[in-house]
C-alpha atoms as a PDB file:
ATOM      1  CA  MET A   1    -169.071-114.077 -52.312  1.00  0.00           C
ATOM      2  CA  LYS A   2    -169.321-116.979 -49.871  1.00  0.00           C
ATOM      3  CA  LYS A   3    -170.291-119.333 -52.733  1.00  0.00           C
ATOM      4  CA  ILE A   4    -167.191-118.316 -54.713  1.00  0.00           C
ATOM      5  CA  VAL A   5    -164.948-118.983 -51.682  1.00  0.00           C
ATOM      6  CA  ILE A   6    -166.554-122.398 -51.140  1.00  0.00           C
ATOM      7  CA  LEU A   7    -166.189-123.290 -54.815  1.00  0.00           C
ATOM      8  CA  ALA A   8    -162.537-122.201 -54.805  1.00  0.00           C
ATOM      9  CA  ALA A   9    -161.878-124.327 -51.697  1.00  0.00           C
ATOM     10  CA  MET A  10    -163.554-127.332 -53.323  1.00  0.00           C
ATOM     11  CA  LEU A  11    -161.449-126.866 -56.457  1.00  0.00           C
ATOM     12  CA  VAL A  12    -158.244-126.820 -54.370  1.00  0.00           C
ATOM     13  CA  LEU A  13    -159.338-130.040 -52.622  1.00  0.00           C
ATOM     14  CA  VAL A  14    -160.013-131.725 -55.975  1.00  0.00           C
ATOM     15  CA  GLN A  15    -156.596-130.624 -57.279  1.00  0.00           C
ATOM     16  CA  VAL A  16    -154.834-131.890 -54.129  1.00  0.00           C
ATOM     17  CA  SER A  17    -156.711-135.200 -54.357  1.00  0.00           C
ATOM     18  CA  PHE A  18    -155.775-135.550 -58.049  1.00  0.00           C
ATOM     19  CA  ALA A  19    -152.096-134.819 -57.320  1.00  0.00           C
ATOM     20  CA  GLN A  20    -152.021-137.315 -54.449  1.00  0.00           C
ATOM     21  CA  LYS A  21    -153.326-140.082 -56.678  1.00  0.00           C
ATOM     22  CA  LYS A  22    -150.463-139.613 -59.126  1.00  0.00           C
ATOM     23  CA  LYS A  23    -147.544-141.859 -58.172  1.00  0.00           C
ATOM     24  CA  LYS A  24    -143.965-141.880 -59.445  1.00  0.00           C
ATOM     25  CA  LEU A  25    -142.986-145.285 -60.818  1.00  0.00           C
ATOM     26  CA  PHE A  26    -139.339-144.261 -61.331  1.00  0.00           C
ATOM     27  CA  ASN A  27    -137.524-142.381 -58.567  1.00  0.00           C
ATOM     28  CA  GLY A  28    -134.582-141.192 -60.687  1.00  0.00           C
ATOM     29  CA  LYS A  29    -132.068-142.988 -58.441  1.00  0.00           C
ATOM     30  CA  ASP A  30    -132.483-146.754 -58.770  1.00  0.00           C
ATOM     31  CA  LEU A  31    -134.839-149.491 -59.975  1.00  0.00           C
ATOM     32  CA  SER A  32    -136.864-149.785 -56.750  1.00  0.00           C
ATOM     33  CA  GLY A  33    -140.349-151.146 -57.486  1.00  0.00           C
ATOM     34  CA  TRP A  34    -139.247-152.761 -60.746  1.00  0.00           C
ATOM     35  CA  VAL A  35    -138.200-156.278 -61.829  1.00  0.00           C
ATOM     36  CA  ILE A  36    -135.740-157.026 -64.675  1.00  0.00           C
ATOM     37  CA  TYR A  37    -136.608-159.882 -67.045  1.00  0.00           C
ATOM     38  CA  GLY A  38    -133.904-161.188 -69.380  1.00  0.00           C
ATOM     39  CA  THR A  39    -130.245-160.255 -69.809  1.00  0.00           C
ATOM     40  CA  GLU A  40    -130.567-156.885 -71.544  1.00  0.00           C
ATOM     41  CA  LYS A  41    -129.364-153.759 -69.734  1.00  0.00           C
ATOM     42  CA  TRP A  42    -131.519-151.555 -67.484  1.00  0.00           C
ATOM     43  CA  TYR A  43    -129.748-148.938 -65.380  1.00  0.00           C
ATOM     44  CA  VAL A  44    -129.965-145.391 -64.026  1.00  0.00           C
ATOM     45  CA  GLU A  45    -127.626-142.673 -65.321  1.00  0.00           C
ATOM     46  CA  ASP A  46    -127.852-138.943 -64.577  1.00  0.00           C
ATOM     47  CA  GLY A  47    -131.373-139.366 -63.212  1.00  0.00           C
ATOM     48  CA  LEU A  48    -132.583-141.167 -66.343  1.00  0.00           C
ATOM     49  CA  LEU A  49    -133.686-144.764 -66.781  1.00  0.00           C
ATOM     50  CA  VAL A  50    -131.684-146.304 -69.606  1.00  0.00           C
ATOM     51  CA  SER A  51    -132.624-149.438 -71.545  1.00  0.00           C
ATOM     52  CA  GLU A  52    -129.949-150.872 -73.806  1.00  0.00           C
ATOM     53  CA  SER A  53    -129.356-154.057 -75.759  1.00  0.00           C
ATOM     54  CA  GLY A  54    -126.929-156.472 -74.129  1.00  0.00           C
ATOM     55  CA  PRO A  55    -124.606-159.053 -75.710  1.00  0.00           C
ATOM     56  CA  ASP A  56    -127.443-161.592 -76.058  1.00  0.00           C
ATOM     57  CA  LYS A  57    -129.416-159.160 -78.288  1.00  0.00           C
ATOM     58  CA  GLY A  58    -132.656-160.706 -77.017  1.00  0.00           C
ATOM     59  CA  TYR A  59    -135.938-159.406 -75.700  1.00  0.00           C
ATOM     60  CA  GLY A  60    -135.763-157.674 -72.338  1.00  0.00           C
ATOM     61  CA  TYR A  61    -138.380-156.250 -69.987  1.00  0.00           C
ATOM     62  CA  LEU A  62    -138.537-154.050 -66.930  1.00  0.00           C
ATOM     63  CA  GLY A  63    -141.820-154.568 -65.108  1.00  0.00           C
ATOM     64  CA  THR A  64    -143.550-153.014 -62.123  1.00  0.00           C
ATOM     65  CA  GLU A  65    -143.747-155.169 -59.008  1.00  0.00           C
ATOM     66  CA  ALA A  66    -147.364-154.055 -58.624  1.00  0.00           C
ATOM     67  CA  ASN A  67    -150.248-154.838 -60.953  1.00  0.00           C
ATOM     68  CA  TYR A  68    -152.436-152.074 -62.375  1.00  0.00           C
ATOM     69  CA  ASP A  69    -155.996-152.499 -63.599  1.00  0.00           C
ATOM     70  CA  ASP A  70    -157.562-149.158 -64.610  1.00  0.00           C
ATOM     71  CA  PHE A  71    -154.944-146.419 -64.790  1.00  0.00           C
ATOM     72  CA  GLU A  72    -153.313-143.558 -66.636  1.00  0.00           C
ATOM     73  CA  VAL A  73    -149.556-143.853 -67.148  1.00  0.00           C
ATOM     74  CA  THR A  74    -147.493-140.916 -68.393  1.00  0.00           C
ATOM     75  CA  LEU A  75    -143.822-141.065 -69.324  1.00  0.00           C
ATOM     76  CA  GLU A  76    -141.182-139.465 -71.489  1.00  0.00           C
ATOM     77  CA  PHE A  77    -138.830-141.355 -73.785  1.00  0.00           C
ATOM     78  CA  LYS A  78    -135.921-140.511 -76.068  1.00  0.00           C
ATOM     79  CA  GLN A  79    -134.691-142.993 -78.667  1.00  0.00           C
ATOM     80  CA  GLU A  80    -131.136-143.548 -79.846  1.00  0.00           C
ATOM     81  CA  ALA A  81    -130.044-145.932 -82.601  1.00  0.00           C
ATOM     82  CA  ASN A  82    -132.880-148.326 -83.442  1.00  0.00           C
ATOM     83  CA  GLY A  83    -135.085-147.307 -80.525  1.00  0.00           C
ATOM     84  CA  ASN A  84    -137.556-150.192 -80.915  1.00  0.00           C
ATOM     85  CA  SER A  85    -139.332-150.574 -77.593  1.00  0.00           C
ATOM     86  CA  GLY A  86    -142.768-150.430 -76.049  1.00  0.00           C
ATOM     87  CA  VAL A  87    -144.929-149.966 -72.963  1.00  0.00           C
ATOM     88  CA  PHE A  88    -146.919-153.036 -71.928  1.00  0.00           C
ATOM     89  CA  ILE A  89    -150.188-152.882 -69.994  1.00  0.00           C
ATOM     90  CA  ARG A  90    -151.862-155.535 -67.798  1.00  0.00           C
ATOM     91  CA  SER A  91    -149.042-157.891 -68.735  1.00  0.00           C
ATOM     92  CA  THR A  92    -147.093-160.763 -67.167  1.00  0.00           C
ATOM     93  CA  VAL A  93    -143.696-162.264 -68.027  1.00  0.00           C
ATOM     94  CA  ASP A  94    -142.392-165.829 -67.903  1.00  0.00           C
ATOM     95  CA  GLY A  95    -138.644-165.743 -68.586  1.00  0.00           C
ATOM     96  CA  THR A  96    -138.740-163.292 -71.483  1.00  0.00           C
ATOM     97  CA  LYS A  97    -142.074-164.417 -72.892  1.00  0.00           C
ATOM     98  CA  VAL A  98    -144.635-161.727 -72.230  1.00  0.00           C
ATOM     99  CA  SER A  99    -148.403-162.165 -72.157  1.00  0.00           C
ATOM    100  CA  GLY A 100    -150.234-158.911 -72.720  1.00  0.00           C
ATOM    101  CA  TRP A 101    -150.507-155.811 -74.845  1.00  0.00           C
ATOM    102  CA  GLN A 102    -147.884-153.380 -76.009  1.00  0.00           C
ATOM    103  CA  VAL A 103    -148.288-149.732 -76.875  1.00  0.00           C
ATOM    104  CA  GLU A 104    -145.548-149.409 -79.486  1.00  0.00           C
ATOM    105  CA  VAL A 105    -142.482-147.179 -79.127  1.00  0.00           C
ATOM    106  CA  ALA A 106    -140.550-147.374 -82.391  1.00  0.00           C
ATOM    107  CA  PRO A 107    -138.546-145.403 -84.970  1.00  0.00           C
ATOM    108  CA  PRO A 108    -140.392-143.217 -87.504  1.00  0.00           C
ATOM    109  CA  GLY A 109    -142.730-145.133 -89.808  1.00  0.00           C
ATOM    110  CA  HIS A 110    -143.173-148.054 -87.394  1.00  0.00           C
ATOM    111  CA  ASP A 111    -146.488-147.280 -85.687  1.00  0.00           C
ATOM    112  CA  THR A 112    -145.571-145.668 -82.364  1.00  0.00           C
ATOM    113  CA  GLY A 113    -148.745-145.535 -80.264  1.00  0.00           C
ATOM    114  CA  GLY A 114    -150.323-148.597 -81.888  1.00  0.00           C
ATOM    115  CA  ILE A 115    -151.366-151.662 -79.875  1.00  0.00           C
ATOM    116  CA  TYR A 116    -149.761-155.057 -80.413  1.00  0.00           C
ATOM    117  CA  GLU A 117    -150.682-158.334 -78.693  1.00  0.00           C
ATOM    118  CA  SER A 118    -147.540-160.406 -78.119  1.00  0.00           C
ATOM    119  CA  TYR A 119    -147.677-164.165 -78.683  1.00  0.00           C
ATOM    120  CA  GLY A 120    -151.298-163.828 -79.762  1.00  0.00           C
ATOM    121  CA  ARG A 121    -153.165-161.837 -82.385  1.00  0.00           C
ATOM    122  CA  GLY A 122    -150.304-159.491 -83.302  1.00  0.00           C
ATOM    123  CA  TRP A 123    -151.280-155.963 -84.336  1.00  0.00           C
ATOM    124  CA  LEU A 124    -154.717-154.996 -83.020  1.00  0.00           C
ATOM    125  CA  ILE A 125    -154.652-151.401 -84.237  1.00  0.00           C
ATOM    126  CA  LYS A 126    -152.118-149.051 -85.822  1.00  0.00           C
ATOM    127  CA  PRO A 127    -152.307-145.246 -85.834  1.00  0.00           C
ATOM    128  CA  GLU A 128    -153.222-143.467 -89.042  1.00  0.00           C
ATOM    129  CA  PRO A 129    -149.943-142.936 -90.986  1.00  0.00           C
ATOM    130  CA  GLU A 130    -150.139-139.122 -90.879  1.00  0.00           C
ATOM    131  CA  LYS A 131    -150.029-139.231 -87.056  1.00  0.00           C
ATOM    132  CA  ASP A 132    -146.451-140.510 -87.229  1.00  0.00           C
ATOM    133  CA  LYS A 133    -145.258-136.901 -87.545  1.00  0.00           C
ATOM    134  CA  ALA A 134    -146.067-136.480 -83.819  1.00  0.00           C
ATOM    135  CA  LEU A 135    -142.928-138.528 -83.045  1.00  0.00           C
ATOM    136  CA  LYS A 136    -139.732-136.544 -82.392  1.00  0.00           C
ATOM    137  CA  PHE A 137    -137.041-139.135 -83.059  1.00  0.00           C
ATOM    138  CA  GLY A 138    -133.824-138.463 -81.126  1.00  0.00           C
ATOM    139  CA  ASP A 139    -135.606-135.982 -78.841  1.00  0.00           C
ATOM    140  CA  TRP A 140    -137.843-136.298 -75.799  1.00  0.00           C
ATOM    141  CA  ASN A 141    -141.427-137.451 -76.396  1.00  0.00           C
ATOM    142  CA  GLU A 142    -144.308-137.632 -73.939  1.00  0.00           C
ATOM    143  CA  MET A 143    -146.558-140.681 -74.064  1.00  0.00           C
ATOM    144  CA  LYS A 144    -149.792-141.062 -72.142  1.00  0.00           C
ATOM    145  CA  ILE A 145    -151.758-144.312 -72.011  1.00  0.00           C
ATOM    146  CA  VAL A 146    -155.230-144.472 -70.465  1.00  0.00           C
ATOM    147  CA  VAL A 147    -156.549-147.945 -69.658  1.00  0.00           C
ATOM    148  CA  LYS A 148    -160.118-148.242 -68.400  1.00  0.00           C
ATOM    149  CA  GLY A 149    -162.180-151.414 -68.603  1.00  0.00           C
ATOM    150  CA  ASP A 150    -161.776-152.805 -72.114  1.00  0.00           C
ATOM    151  CA  ASN A 151    -160.609-149.477 -73.592  1.00  0.00           C
ATOM    152  CA  VAL A 152    -157.075-148.241 -74.264  1.00  0.00           C
ATOM    153  CA  THR A 153    -156.277-144.763 -75.566  1.00  0.00           C
ATOM    154  CA  SER A 154    -152.721-143.720 -76.393  1.00  0.00           C
ATOM    155  CA  TYR A 155    -151.384-140.192 -76.843  1.00  0.00           C
ATOM    156  CA  LEU A 156    -148.025-139.040 -78.199  1.00  0.00           C
ATOM    157  CA  ASN A 157    -146.993-135.448 -77.537  1.00  0.00           C
ATOM    158  CA  GLY A 158    -150.635-134.515 -77.026  1.00  0.00           C
ATOM    159  CA  VAL A 159    -151.875-136.252 -80.194  1.00  0.00           C
ATOM    160  CA  GLU A 160    -154.370-139.095 -79.764  1.00  0.00           C
ATOM    161  CA  MET A 161    -152.803-142.019 -81.614  1.00  0.00           C
ATOM    162  CA  VAL A 162    -155.399-144.780 -81.114  1.00  0.00           C
ATOM    163  CA  ASN A 163    -158.593-145.398 -79.158  1.00  0.00           C
ATOM    164  CA  PHE A 164    -159.350-149.107 -79.021  1.00  0.00           C
ATOM    165  CA  SER A 165    -161.770-151.356 -77.128  1.00  0.00           C
ATOM    166  CA  ASP A 166    -161.261-155.108 -76.817  1.00  0.00           C
ATOM    167  CA  GLU A 167    -162.927-157.725 -74.616  1.00  0.00           C
ATOM    168  CA  LYS A 168    -159.693-159.661 -74.073  1.00  0.00           C
ATOM    169  CA  ILE A 169    -157.828-156.557 -72.880  1.00  0.00           C
ATOM    170  CA  GLY A 170    -160.760-155.887 -70.551  1.00  0.00           C
ATOM    171  CA  LYS A 171    -160.130-159.222 -68.831  1.00  0.00           C
ATOM    172  CA  GLY A 172    -156.348-158.760 -68.663  1.00  0.00           C
ATOM    173  CA  LYS A 173    -154.433-158.669 -65.373  1.00  0.00           C
ATOM    174  CA  GLY A 174    -150.829-157.697 -64.766  1.00  0.00           C
ATOM    175  CA  GLY A 175    -148.303-154.912 -64.497  1.00  0.00           C
ATOM    176  CA  ILE A 176    -146.788-152.147 -66.584  1.00  0.00           C
ATOM    177  CA  LEU A 177    -143.625-153.141 -68.464  1.00  0.00           C
ATOM    178  CA  LEU A 178    -141.033-151.401 -70.611  1.00  0.00           C
ATOM    179  CA  GLN A 179    -139.486-153.435 -73.441  1.00  0.00           C
ATOM    180  CA  ILE A 180    -136.243-153.801 -75.324  1.00  0.00           C
ATOM    181  CA  HIS A 181    -136.893-155.464 -78.685  1.00  0.00           C
ATOM    182  CA  ASP A 182    -134.562-158.217 -79.839  1.00  0.00           C
ATOM    183  CA  GLY A 183    -131.941-157.740 -82.546  1.00  0.00           C
ATOM    184  CA  GLY A 184    -129.445-155.571 -80.671  1.00  0.00           C
ATOM    185  CA  GLY A 185    -128.360-151.975 -81.197  1.00  0.00           C
ATOM    186  CA  ILE A 186    -131.258-150.514 -79.212  1.00  0.00           C
ATOM    187  CA  LYS A 187    -131.004-147.702 -76.686  1.00  0.00           C
ATOM    188  CA  VAL A 188    -133.908-145.780 -75.173  1.00  0.00           C
ATOM    189  CA  TYR A 189    -133.920-143.264 -72.324  1.00  0.00           C
ATOM    190  CA  TRP A 190    -136.934-142.851 -70.010  1.00  0.00           C
ATOM    191  CA  ARG A 191    -137.929-140.275 -67.390  1.00  0.00           C
ATOM    192  CA  ASN A 192    -140.913-138.843 -65.469  1.00  0.00           C
ATOM    193  CA  ILE A 193    -142.777-142.160 -65.312  1.00  0.00           C
ATOM    194  CA  THR A 194    -145.971-141.706 -63.303  1.00  0.00           C
ATOM    195  CA  VAL A 195    -149.182-143.650 -62.826  1.00  0.00           C
ATOM    196  CA  ARG A 196    -152.615-142.590 -61.635  1.00  0.00           C
ATOM    197  CA  GLU A 197    -155.084-145.322 -60.783  1.00  0.00           C
ATOM    198  CA  LEU A 198    -158.611-144.664 -62.035  1.00  0.00           C
END
């Protein structure tokens, strides 16, 4: 009986420790902890983070002030109109030129969950086409990205989209960024953005 009590207590401690490590990146009120790059629109409305094309119809980014090395980021997104966006890992921005790797957020048929290297090698890996049905366009989707060493695994609504290892990613340093693609007409809502360092 005593062993069961001790095990239960240990389990509670592990759960508390796990919960404490998880950190909210978006507070639902303002853009504290984030930096805007470019002239596209990033704002908070009804507790949601909204990204929207501006009059310049260029690339835009919203990046964390902090850098993250090994981590698990979880977020929810809902696309309107074009919806072409992405979540960057270990990335830096100069003006609106980003150096790093994007886990794609895009309309149906455009490889959501795949990994793209901007201003470098381009597409590194795309999900198998049949996995595209995991995307709920126009509704809320949950994305999880696990970055550890040189490995990146992306999940969309519980479906593993890609699992990819790359030496260059392993050496990458930088923050987590959300993107607005160029071209205009893009609007994406975000919520429940959390990170857990590994």
